[in-house]
Protein backbone atom coordinates (compact mmCIF):
# COMPACT_ATOMS: atom_id res chain seq x y z
CA UNK A 1 0.00 0.00 0.00
CA UNK A 2 1.33 3.42 -0.91
CA UNK A 3 2.10 5.58 2.12
CA UNK A 4 -0.23 8.43 1.29
CA UNK A 5 1.00 10.69 4.08
CA UNK A 6 4.70 10.51 3.25
CA UNK A 7 4.69 10.23 -0.54
CA UNK A 8 1.60 12.26 -1.39
CA UNK A 9 1.80 14.59 1.57
CA UNK A 10 -1.93 14.87 2.15
CA UNK A 11 -3.07 15.29 5.77
CA UNK A 12 -3.24 12.13 7.87
CA UNK A 13 -6.86 12.86 8.78
CA UNK A 14 -7.83 12.80 5.10
CA UNK A 15 -6.64 9.24 4.41
CA UNK A 16 -9.34 7.23 6.21
CA UNK A 17 -12.37 9.25 4.99
CA UNK A 18 -11.01 9.14 1.42
CA UNK A 19 -10.72 5.34 1.62
CA UNK A 20 -14.21 5.12 3.11
CA UNK A 21 -15.54 7.25 0.27
CA UNK A 22 -13.93 4.93 -2.29
CA UNK A 23 -15.59 1.96 -0.62
CA UNK A 24 -19.00 3.62 -1.01
CA UNK A 25 -18.47 5.02 -4.51
CA UNK A 26 -16.72 2.06 -6.15
CA UNK A 27 -19.91 0.30 -7.25
CA UNK A 28 -21.20 3.33 -9.12
CA UNK A 29 -17.74 3.87 -10.63
CA UNK A 30 -17.69 0.27 -11.87
CA UNK A 31 -14.37 -0.57 -10.22
CA UNK A 32 -13.22 -1.93 -6.88
CA UNK A 33 -12.54 0.35 -3.93
CA UNK A 34 -8.82 -0.36 -4.26
CA UNK A 35 -8.85 0.55 -7.96
CA UNK A 36 -10.73 3.78 -7.32
CA UNK A 37 -8.39 4.71 -4.47
CA UNK A 38 -5.38 3.93 -6.66
CA UNK A 39 -6.86 6.02 -9.47
CA UNK A 40 -7.07 9.04 -7.19
CA UNK A 41 -3.48 8.49 -6.07
CA UNK A 42 -2.34 8.35 -9.68
CA UNK A 43 -4.15 11.59 -10.47
CA UNK A 44 -2.53 13.28 -7.48
CA UNK A 45 0.87 12.16 -8.70
CA UNK A 46 0.20 13.04 -12.35
CA UNK A 47 -0.81 16.59 -11.44
CA UNK A 48 1.34 16.98 -8.34
CA UNK A 49 2.57 20.41 -9.50
CA UNK A 50 -0.99 21.64 -8.96
CA UNK A 51 -2.30 19.32 -6.28
CA UNK A 52 0.58 19.96 -3.85
CA UNK A 53 1.31 23.52 -4.93
CA UNK A 54 0.39 25.12 -1.59
CA UNK A 55 0.05 24.17 2.10
CA UNK A 56 -3.16 22.55 3.27
CA UNK A 57 -5.65 24.82 4.99
CA UNK A 58 -7.23 24.14 8.37
CA UNK A 59 -10.61 23.48 6.73
CA UNK A 60 -11.66 22.94 3.09
CA UNK A 61 -10.93 26.07 1.07
CA UNK A 62 -14.28 26.71 -0.55
CA UNK A 63 -13.31 29.41 -3.01
CA UNK A 64 -16.42 31.16 -4.27
CA UNK A 65 -16.41 33.96 -6.81
CA UNK A 66 -19.75 35.87 -6.96
CA UNK A 67 -19.16 36.72 -10.62
CA UNK A 68 -18.42 33.10 -11.52
CA UNK A 69 -21.44 30.79 -11.55
CA UNK A 70 -19.21 27.77 -11.11
CA UNK A 71 -17.61 29.04 -7.92
CA UNK A 72 -14.12 27.90 -8.89
CA UNK A 73 -11.25 30.33 -8.40
CA UNK A 74 -8.99 31.55 -11.21
CA UNK A 75 -6.27 29.07 -10.29
CA UNK A 76 -8.68 26.15 -10.53
CA UNK A 77 -10.05 27.31 -13.86
CA UNK A 78 -6.60 27.87 -15.32
CA UNK A 79 -5.66 24.35 -14.32
CA UNK A 80 -8.81 22.78 -15.82
CA UNK A 81 -8.75 24.92 -18.97
CA UNK A 82 -5.14 24.02 -19.75
CA UNK A 83 -6.18 20.46 -20.64
CA UNK A 84 -5.11 18.98 -23.97
CA UNK A 85 -7.96 16.50 -24.42
CA UNK A 86 -11.39 15.66 -23.06
CA UNK A 87 -9.94 12.87 -20.92
CA UNK A 88 -7.33 15.25 -19.56
CA UNK A 89 -10.00 17.84 -18.77
CA UNK A 90 -12.07 15.26 -16.87
CA UNK A 91 -9.05 14.18 -14.83
CA UNK A 92 -8.13 17.78 -14.02
CA UNK A 93 -11.70 18.47 -12.93
CA UNK A 94 -11.61 15.53 -10.49
CA UNK A 95 -8.22 16.66 -9.17
CA UNK A 96 -9.50 20.20 -8.61
CA UNK A 97 -12.54 18.84 -6.75
CA UNK A 98 -10.32 16.57 -4.63
CA UNK A 99 -8.04 19.38 -3.61
CA UNK A 100 -10.98 21.66 -2.77
CA UNK A 101 -12.18 19.09 -0.24
CA UNK A 102 -8.94 18.03 1.44
CA UNK A 103 -7.66 19.96 4.43
CA UNK A 104 -5.92 19.41 7.75
CA UNK A 105 -9.38 18.57 9.10
CA UNK A 106 -9.69 15.60 6.72
CA UNK A 107 -11.53 14.79 3.48
CA UNK A 108 -14.99 16.26 2.95
CA UNK A 109 -16.69 13.47 0.99
CA UNK A 110 -20.04 15.28 0.86
CA UNK A 111 -18.36 18.39 -0.51
CA UNK A 112 -16.51 16.33 -3.11
CA UNK A 113 -19.74 14.68 -4.31
CA UNK A 114 -21.44 18.07 -4.45
CA UNK A 115 -18.63 19.60 -6.51
CA UNK A 116 -18.54 16.70 -8.96
CA UNK A 117 -22.32 16.70 -9.45
CA UNK A 118 -23.11 20.41 -9.27
CA UNK A 119 -20.20 21.88 -11.20
CA UNK A 120 -20.24 19.03 -13.69
CA UNK A 121 -23.91 19.73 -14.33
CA UNK A 122 -23.29 23.47 -14.64
CA UNK A 123 -20.50 22.83 -17.13
CA UNK A 124 -23.10 21.18 -19.37
CA UNK A 125 -24.93 24.50 -19.74
CA UNK A 126 -25.85 24.94 -23.38
CA UNK A 127 -26.00 21.29 -24.36
CA UNK A 128 -29.54 20.35 -25.36
CA UNK A 129 -29.21 16.55 -25.44
CA UNK A 130 -30.77 16.10 -22.00
CA UNK A 131 -33.66 18.45 -22.87
CA UNK A 132 -34.15 16.72 -26.22
CA UNK A 133 -34.31 13.37 -24.40
CA UNK A 134 -37.16 14.80 -22.31
CA UNK A 135 -38.88 16.33 -25.36
CA UNK A 136 -38.91 12.94 -27.12
CA UNK A 137 -40.62 11.36 -24.12
CA UNK A 138 -43.23 14.13 -24.09
CA UNK A 139 -43.95 13.78 -27.81
CA UNK A 140 -44.37 10.04 -27.31
CA UNK A 141 -46.86 10.70 -24.49
CA UNK A 142 -48.80 13.17 -26.62
CA UNK A 143 -49.03 10.62 -29.41
CA UNK A 144 -50.15 7.95 -26.97
CA UNK A 145 -52.89 10.13 -25.44
CA UNK A 146 -54.05 11.29 -28.88
CA UNK A 147 -54.37 7.69 -30.05
CA UNK A 148 -56.25 6.68 -26.90
CA UNK A 149 -58.60 9.67 -27.25
CA UNK A 150 -59.22 8.82 -30.89
CA UNK A 151 -60.18 5.28 -29.96
CA UNK A 152 -62.46 6.47 -27.16
CA UNK A 153 -64.22 8.89 -29.52
CA UNK A 154 -65.24 5.92 -31.65
CA UNK A 155 -66.76 4.00 -28.72
CA UNK A 156 -69.28 5.92 -26.60
CA UNK A 157 -66.84 8.59 -25.26
CA UNK A 158 -67.26 10.23 -21.88
CA UNK A 159 -68.06 13.93 -21.55
CA UNK A 160 -64.45 14.61 -20.50
CA UNK A 161 -63.12 12.84 -23.59
CA UNK A 162 -65.44 14.86 -25.83
CA UNK A 163 -64.29 18.10 -24.20
CA UNK A 164 -60.63 17.15 -24.50
CA UNK A 165 -61.09 16.23 -28.13
CA UNK A 166 -62.72 19.58 -28.86
CA UNK A 167 -59.95 21.39 -27.00
CA UNK A 168 -57.25 19.57 -28.98
CA UNK A 169 -58.77 20.84 -32.24
CA UNK A 170 -58.58 24.53 -31.35
CA UNK A 171 -56.22 26.42 -33.72
CA UNK A 172 -53.99 27.68 -30.92
CA UNK A 173 -53.67 24.22 -29.37
CA UNK A 174 -52.79 22.74 -32.76
CA UNK A 175 -50.21 25.51 -33.28
CA UNK A 176 -48.65 24.91 -29.87
CA UNK A 177 -48.42 21.18 -30.49
CA UNK A 178 -46.75 21.66 -33.87
CA UNK A 179 -44.37 24.18 -32.36
CA UNK A 180 -43.53 21.74 -29.56
CA UNK A 181 -42.62 19.11 -32.14
CA UNK A 182 -40.68 21.68 -34.16
CA UNK A 183 -38.66 22.51 -31.05
CA UNK A 184 -37.64 18.87 -30.77
CA UNK A 185 -36.63 18.68 -34.42
CA UNK A 186 -34.87 22.06 -34.35
CA UNK A 187 -32.78 21.21 -31.29
CA UNK A 188 -31.99 17.76 -32.66
CA UNK A 189 -30.66 19.21 -35.90
CA UNK A 190 -29.40 22.63 -34.81
CA UNK A 191 -28.07 21.40 -31.47
CA UNK A 192 -26.52 18.22 -32.90
CA UNK A 193 -28.69 16.12 -30.57
CA UNK A 194 -30.24 13.89 -33.22
CA UNK A 195 -29.83 10.23 -32.32
CA UNK A 196 -28.32 11.13 -28.93
CA UNK A 197 -29.68 10.80 -25.43
CA UNK A 198 -28.44 11.68 -21.96
CA UNK A 199 -29.65 11.21 -18.42
CA UNK A 200 -26.29 12.02 -16.80
CA UNK A 201 -26.25 15.79 -17.41
CA UNK A 202 -22.61 16.12 -16.36
CA UNK A 203 -19.92 17.27 -18.78
CA UNK A 204 -17.24 15.21 -17.05
CA UNK A 205 -19.31 12.03 -17.23
CA UNK A 206 -20.73 12.74 -20.69
CA UNK A 207 -21.81 9.61 -22.60
CA UNK A 208 -20.67 11.38 -25.78
CA UNK A 209 -17.15 11.96 -24.51
CA UNK A 210 -15.00 14.48 -26.32
CA UNK A 211 -17.97 15.67 -28.39
CA UNK A 212 -19.36 17.31 -25.25
CA UNK A 213 -17.59 20.61 -25.95
CA UNK A 214 -19.09 20.84 -29.43
CA UNK A 215 -22.52 19.83 -28.13
CA UNK A 216 -22.35 22.61 -25.55
CA UNK A 217 -21.32 25.25 -28.09
CA UNK A 218 -23.76 24.22 -30.82
CA UNK A 219 -26.55 23.51 -28.35
CA UNK A 220 -26.19 26.95 -26.82
CA UNK A 221 -26.61 28.59 -30.24
CA UNK A 222 -29.67 26.47 -31.07
CA UNK A 223 -31.19 27.06 -27.65
CA UNK A 224 -30.78 30.83 -27.95
CA UNK A 225 -32.31 30.84 -31.43
CA UNK A 226 -35.31 28.83 -30.25
CA UNK A 227 -35.73 31.10 -27.24
CA UNK A 228 -36.12 34.02 -29.66
CA UNK A 229 -38.63 32.03 -31.73
CA UNK A 230 -40.64 31.27 -28.59
CA UNK A 231 -40.51 34.93 -27.62
CA UNK A 232 -41.79 35.83 -31.09
CA UNK A 233 -44.66 33.33 -30.84
CA UNK A 234 -45.68 34.66 -27.42
CA UNK A 235 -45.72 38.28 -28.60
CA UNK A 236 -47.23 37.82 -32.08
CA UNK A 237 -49.74 35.01 -31.59
CA UNK A 238 -52.61 35.49 -29.10
CA UNK A 239 -52.85 33.01 -26.24
CA UNK A 240 -55.95 31.42 -24.72
CA UNK A 241 -54.57 31.79 -21.22
CA UNK A 242 -52.59 35.05 -21.35
CA UNK A 243 -53.90 38.61 -21.51
CA UNK A 244 -51.94 41.76 -22.29
CA UNK A 245 -50.34 43.56 -19.39
CA UNK A 246 -50.12 47.31 -18.99
CA UNK A 247 -46.64 48.72 -19.56
CA UNK A 248 -45.38 45.79 -21.61
CA UNK A 249 -48.19 45.81 -24.16
CA UNK A 250 -46.06 47.68 -26.71
CA UNK A 251 -44.09 44.47 -27.28
CA UNK A 252 -47.19 42.58 -28.39
CA UNK A 253 -48.06 42.57 -32.10
CA UNK A 254 -51.29 40.61 -32.25
CA UNK A 255 -52.83 42.94 -34.85
CA UNK A 256 -49.78 42.98 -37.11
CA UNK A 257 -48.84 40.56 -39.91
CA UNK A 258 -46.73 37.64 -38.71
CA UNK A 259 -43.02 37.44 -39.53
CA UNK A 260 -42.78 33.65 -39.63
CA UNK A 261 -45.01 30.61 -39.22
CA UNK A 262 -43.88 28.71 -36.13
CA UNK A 263 -45.67 25.59 -37.35
CA UNK A 264 -43.69 25.51 -40.62
CA UNK A 265 -40.38 23.85 -39.83
CA UNK A 266 -38.81 24.47 -43.24
CA UNK A 267 -40.07 28.05 -43.11
CA UNK A 268 -38.32 28.60 -39.78
CA UNK A 269 -34.99 27.61 -41.29
CA UNK A 270 -35.63 29.81 -44.34
CA UNK A 271 -36.10 32.78 -41.99
CA UNK A 272 -32.44 32.49 -41.01
CA UNK A 273 -31.38 33.10 -44.60
CA UNK A 274 -33.83 35.71 -45.84
CA UNK A 275 -33.39 38.28 -43.06
CA UNK A 276 -36.61 37.67 -41.12
CA UNK A 277 -34.86 36.12 -38.16
CA UNK A 278 -32.46 39.09 -38.03
CA UNK A 279 -35.50 41.35 -37.57
CA UNK A 280 -36.65 39.22 -34.66
CA UNK A 281 -33.20 39.38 -33.09
CA UNK A 282 -33.20 43.17 -33.23
CA UNK A 283 -36.66 43.37 -31.67
CA UNK A 284 -35.67 40.83 -29.01
CA UNK A 285 -32.55 42.86 -28.13
CA UNK A 286 -34.64 46.00 -27.69
CA UNK A 287 -37.03 44.05 -25.48
CA UNK A 288 -34.21 42.74 -23.27
CA UNK A 289 -32.68 46.20 -23.02
CA UNK A 290 -36.03 47.60 -21.91
CA UNK A 291 -36.09 45.08 -19.06
CA UNK A 292 -32.66 46.19 -17.89
CA UNK A 293 -33.68 49.86 -17.98
CA UNK A 294 -36.88 49.30 -16.04
């Protein structure tokens, strides 16, 4: 057994709780406790210039930067961002989380788990694969309920079924359903999520590996574009459940000709090339600026 205290120079009080954590986490990691413990030792040695770069604090040094959503300090980010591959980035992330939770007081296993889960999830911001996975399930449910309602309408339907069937045929409801399906297709194609699924929602455990960075970048662009399209739909197409407010009514254009048809998927993509989407972007920017000024 490697003498962790002498060769790795981590506090004696951190050894036992780190081993105990490995014993609890090994099953989920798919390795034995010894292998997981050894893996952490290897990472400490591989990145020793960072891991042992300063004396251990009395308690875990929870660096938090109010302007940084992730809460990591500059030193931590510089270390993680200097990676040369996805695998290297994942290892550096784990090392940064380990060091954040080791102190003279011991190893904070709960803090380590929180950092891995929370910051890994936040790093996924922009990727739409997880949302697309949910959208697919919702479309499947809608299709299932529609089929069941159709069958019930043929065989002595209840009053509730009749009312639901009538509701589903309202123009606005039909538009919303088509738009919902267009969102799925748009994010699949524009966000590179087609054929992909994810229930992990953690960049450093991403089932798509090194493609995660591209998914985040492309997904963010697609998500922003669809947000503008949703904003357009809300402010140009009347809603059954929403009425105009006072001061914000100038942003609603219910009596004006529409700029694009949110139910026409091909038409939405054409709007990106013929200048119509640019008009929406300009209007959206003015709207956002008005919120900041108010």
